[in-house]
Amino acid sequence: MKINNIDEFHCKIKRIILSEEEIQNAVKQTAHMIDSLYDGTPILLVSILKGSFVFLADLCKHITVPCEIGFMAAKSYYEATQSSGVVKITMDLQQDISGYHVIIVEDIIDTGRTLNDVVRLLKARKPVSLRVITLLDKPDRRMVDFQADYVLFTIPDLFVIGYGLDYGEYYRNLPYIAEFRQTMED
């Protein structure tokens, strides 16, 4: 998908689902929860790129326990609004996680396939503990039995953009979460 101008960009934003203020308040609360859970124990935050990079950046600014950052990339959408069902790890962690308390920071859990595969992969590497925190959970779309340890927001079965979430690599820069307008009749 190529967008040619700002009007074309904005006409695909159907409505705001979660405001910037709602998101930031939930991120701060989540950081405080992490601080109390780990009580000074160092952690490793693992961002699943590209969608969760904004969430990770905001979250780690509010965490006070010592933390390291790691990145992985997994892909299942390939410029569509439906998951392909094929999860591909396109970038793996470079460090040994066996001595870490690991928190996977995810943008959205939809079918659950991506996180299920990533969690299975990381658990095999024997971290001290492994938790999953997701900004958004869309349980109506779940295709595998997967539950995050902590969910900031549960949303209905809508294709959403903003705050790191994209359509065709656009819209990640929106400071809020919006419903994507797939056709002009929406």
Protein backbone atom coordinates (compact mmCIF):
# COMPACT_ATOMS: atom_id res chain seq x y z
CA MET A 1 0.00 0.00 0.00
CA LYS A 2 1.29 3.42 -0.88
CA ILE A 3 -0.22 6.62 0.47
CA ASN A 4 0.22 9.66 -1.74
CA ASN A 5 -0.95 12.50 0.51
CA ILE A 6 -2.12 13.47 3.99
CA ASP A 7 -5.82 13.33 3.03
CA GLU A 8 -5.41 9.75 1.85
CA PHE A 9 -3.66 8.97 5.13
CA HIS A 10 -6.37 10.45 7.35
CA CYS A 11 -9.36 9.07 5.45
CA LYS A 12 -8.38 5.55 6.58
CA ILE A 13 -8.77 6.48 10.26
CA LYS A 14 -12.35 5.48 11.04
CA ARG A 15 -12.51 6.41 14.74
CA ILE A 16 -10.31 6.62 17.81
CA ILE A 17 -10.68 3.57 20.06
CA LEU A 18 -8.19 4.53 22.79
CA SER A 19 -6.94 8.06 23.36
CA GLU A 20 -3.32 9.00 23.96
CA GLU A 21 -4.19 9.87 27.57
CA GLU A 22 -5.89 6.50 28.22
CA ILE A 23 -2.88 4.67 26.81
CA GLN A 24 -0.32 6.68 28.79
CA ASN A 25 -2.22 6.22 32.05
CA ALA A 26 -2.37 2.44 31.51
CA VAL A 27 1.33 2.31 30.58
CA LYS A 28 2.29 4.11 33.81
CA GLN A 29 0.12 1.75 35.88
CA THR A 30 1.73 -1.23 34.16
CA ALA A 31 5.23 0.07 34.90
CA HIS A 32 4.31 0.44 38.59
CA MET A 33 2.94 -3.11 38.60
CA ILE A 34 6.23 -4.38 37.10
CA ASP A 35 8.24 -2.46 39.71
CA SER A 36 6.23 -4.02 42.54
CA LEU A 37 6.41 -7.51 41.00
CA TYR A 38 10.18 -7.51 40.62
CA ASP A 39 11.01 -5.30 43.64
CA GLY A 40 14.47 -4.23 42.48
CA THR A 41 15.34 -7.47 40.65
CA PRO A 42 16.76 -6.80 37.17
CA ILE A 43 14.59 -7.76 34.19
CA LEU A 44 14.89 -8.17 30.44
CA LEU A 45 12.16 -6.52 28.38
CA VAL A 46 11.77 -8.17 24.97
CA SER A 47 9.97 -6.18 22.32
CA ILE A 48 8.37 -7.98 19.40
CA LEU A 49 9.08 -5.68 16.48
CA LYS A 50 7.86 -3.68 14.84
CA GLY A 51 4.50 -3.09 16.46
CA SER A 52 5.51 -2.96 20.12
CA PHE A 53 8.44 -0.54 19.88
CA VAL A 54 6.35 2.50 20.89
CA PHE A 55 4.79 0.64 23.81
CA LEU A 56 8.20 -0.63 24.96
CA ALA A 57 9.76 2.84 24.75
CA ASP A 58 7.01 4.41 26.86
CA LEU A 59 6.86 1.50 29.31
CA CYS A 60 10.59 1.36 30.06
CA LYS A 61 10.68 5.12 30.75
CA HIS A 62 8.41 4.51 33.76
CA ILE A 63 10.02 1.31 35.08
CA THR A 64 12.43 1.89 37.96
CA VAL A 65 13.86 -1.63 38.42
CA PRO A 66 17.07 -2.26 36.45
CA CYS A 67 16.15 -3.43 32.98
CA GLU A 68 17.78 -4.48 29.77
CA ILE A 69 16.11 -4.37 26.38
CA GLY A 70 16.07 -7.04 23.70
CA PHE A 71 14.37 -7.21 20.33
CA MET A 72 12.81 -9.93 18.25
CA ALA A 73 10.83 -9.67 15.05
CA ALA A 74 8.03 -11.97 14.02
CA LYS A 75 5.76 -11.57 11.05
CA SER A 76 2.34 -12.96 10.18
CA TYR A 77 0.40 -10.16 8.45
CA TYR A 78 2.40 -9.37 5.28
CA GLU A 79 0.53 -6.12 4.40
CA ALA A 80 -2.97 -7.49 5.00
CA THR A 81 -5.63 -7.06 7.65
CA GLN A 82 -5.89 -10.82 8.30
CA SER A 83 -3.11 -12.97 9.72
CA SER A 84 -1.59 -15.34 7.18
CA GLY A 85 -1.44 -18.05 9.84
CA VAL A 86 2.27 -18.49 9.16
CA VAL A 87 4.53 -17.05 11.86
CA LYS A 88 8.09 -16.34 10.84
CA ILE A 89 10.79 -15.23 13.32
CA THR A 90 12.70 -12.71 11.22
CA MET A 91 15.05 -11.48 13.97
CA ASP A 92 15.98 -13.40 17.11
CA LEU A 93 17.46 -12.30 20.43
CA GLN A 94 21.23 -12.18 20.44
CA GLN A 95 21.74 -12.84 24.16
CA ASP A 96 21.52 -15.91 26.37
CA ILE A 97 18.37 -15.40 28.50
CA SER A 98 18.94 -18.29 30.92
CA GLY A 99 19.71 -15.98 33.86
CA TYR A 100 16.96 -13.45 33.22
CA HIS A 101 13.47 -12.61 34.37
CA VAL A 102 12.02 -12.00 30.89
CA ILE A 103 8.98 -9.92 30.06
CA ILE A 104 7.75 -10.07 26.48
CA VAL A 105 6.23 -6.70 25.57
CA GLU A 106 3.68 -7.16 22.79
CA ASP A 107 1.45 -4.71 20.95
CA ILE A 108 -1.56 -6.94 20.26
CA ILE A 109 -2.60 -10.55 20.69
CA ASP A 110 -4.96 -11.51 17.90
CA THR A 111 -4.95 -15.17 16.84
CA GLY A 112 -2.30 -15.91 19.48
CA ARG A 113 -0.11 -17.83 17.03
CA THR A 114 2.80 -15.40 17.04
CA LEU A 115 3.06 -15.16 20.83
CA ASN A 116 2.49 -18.87 21.27
CA ASP A 117 5.47 -19.58 18.99
CA VAL A 118 7.67 -16.90 20.58
CA VAL A 119 6.89 -18.04 24.14
CA ARG A 120 7.61 -21.68 23.26
CA LEU A 121 10.94 -20.64 21.71
CA LEU A 122 11.97 -18.51 24.69
CA LYS A 123 10.85 -21.00 27.37
CA ALA A 124 13.16 -23.58 25.77
CA ARG A 125 16.04 -21.20 26.55
CA LYS A 126 15.33 -21.56 30.29
CA PRO A 127 14.82 -18.01 31.58
CA VAL A 128 14.36 -17.64 35.36
CA SER A 129 10.81 -16.48 34.63
CA LEU A 130 8.83 -15.48 31.55
CA ARG A 131 5.80 -13.21 31.43
CA VAL A 132 3.85 -11.63 28.58
CA ILE A 133 2.43 -8.13 28.76
CA THR A 134 0.29 -6.95 25.87
CA LEU A 135 -1.09 -3.53 25.13
CA LEU A 136 -4.14 -4.96 23.36
CA ASP A 137 -5.93 -8.28 23.52
CA LYS A 138 -8.46 -9.33 20.90
CA PRO A 139 -9.82 -12.61 22.37
CA ASP A 140 -12.60 -12.99 19.76
CA ARG A 141 -9.92 -13.82 17.16
CA ARG A 142 -7.96 -16.36 19.22
CA MET A 143 -7.04 -19.50 17.27
CA VAL A 144 -4.69 -21.04 19.86
CA ASP A 145 -5.07 -21.31 23.62
CA PHE A 146 -2.92 -18.38 24.71
CA GLN A 147 -3.38 -15.84 27.50
CA ALA A 148 -1.09 -12.95 28.36
CA ASP A 149 -0.06 -12.50 31.98
CA TYR A 150 -1.14 -8.87 31.86
CA VAL A 151 -3.42 -7.04 29.40
CA LEU A 152 -3.77 -3.26 29.32
CA PHE A 153 -6.86 -3.18 27.09
CA THR A 154 -9.25 -5.80 25.67
CA ILE A 155 -10.77 -4.75 22.36
CA PRO A 156 -13.42 -6.17 20.02
CA ASP A 157 -12.61 -7.77 16.67
CA LEU A 158 -11.53 -4.62 14.81
CA PHE A 159 -8.45 -3.96 12.72
CA VAL A 160 -6.64 -1.24 14.65
CA ILE A 161 -3.78 1.12 13.88
CA GLY A 162 -1.66 3.61 15.77
CA TYR A 163 0.74 3.59 18.72
CA GLY A 164 3.07 1.26 16.84
CA LEU A 165 0.38 -0.76 15.03
CA ASP A 166 0.36 -0.41 11.27
CA TYR A 167 -1.35 -1.08 8.02
CA GLY A 168 1.17 -1.47 5.21
CA GLU A 169 3.84 0.12 7.46
CA TYR A 170 1.83 3.35 7.86
CA TYR A 171 0.05 4.69 10.97
CA ARG A 172 2.61 3.54 13.58
CA ASN A 173 3.21 7.21 14.45
CA LEU A 174 -0.33 7.94 15.66
CA PRO A 175 -0.29 8.63 19.44
CA TYR A 176 -3.66 6.83 19.87
CA ILE A 177 -5.28 3.55 18.77
CA ALA A 178 -7.82 3.90 15.97
CA GLU A 179 -10.04 1.63 13.94
CA PHE A 180 -8.78 1.27 10.37
CA ARG A 181 -11.28 2.09 7.61
CA GLN A 182 -10.91 -0.74 5.13
CA THR A 183 -13.35 0.64 2.56
CA MET A 184 -15.03 4.00 2.13
CA GLU A 185 -18.37 2.35 3.01
CA ASP A 186 -17.06 1.64 6.55
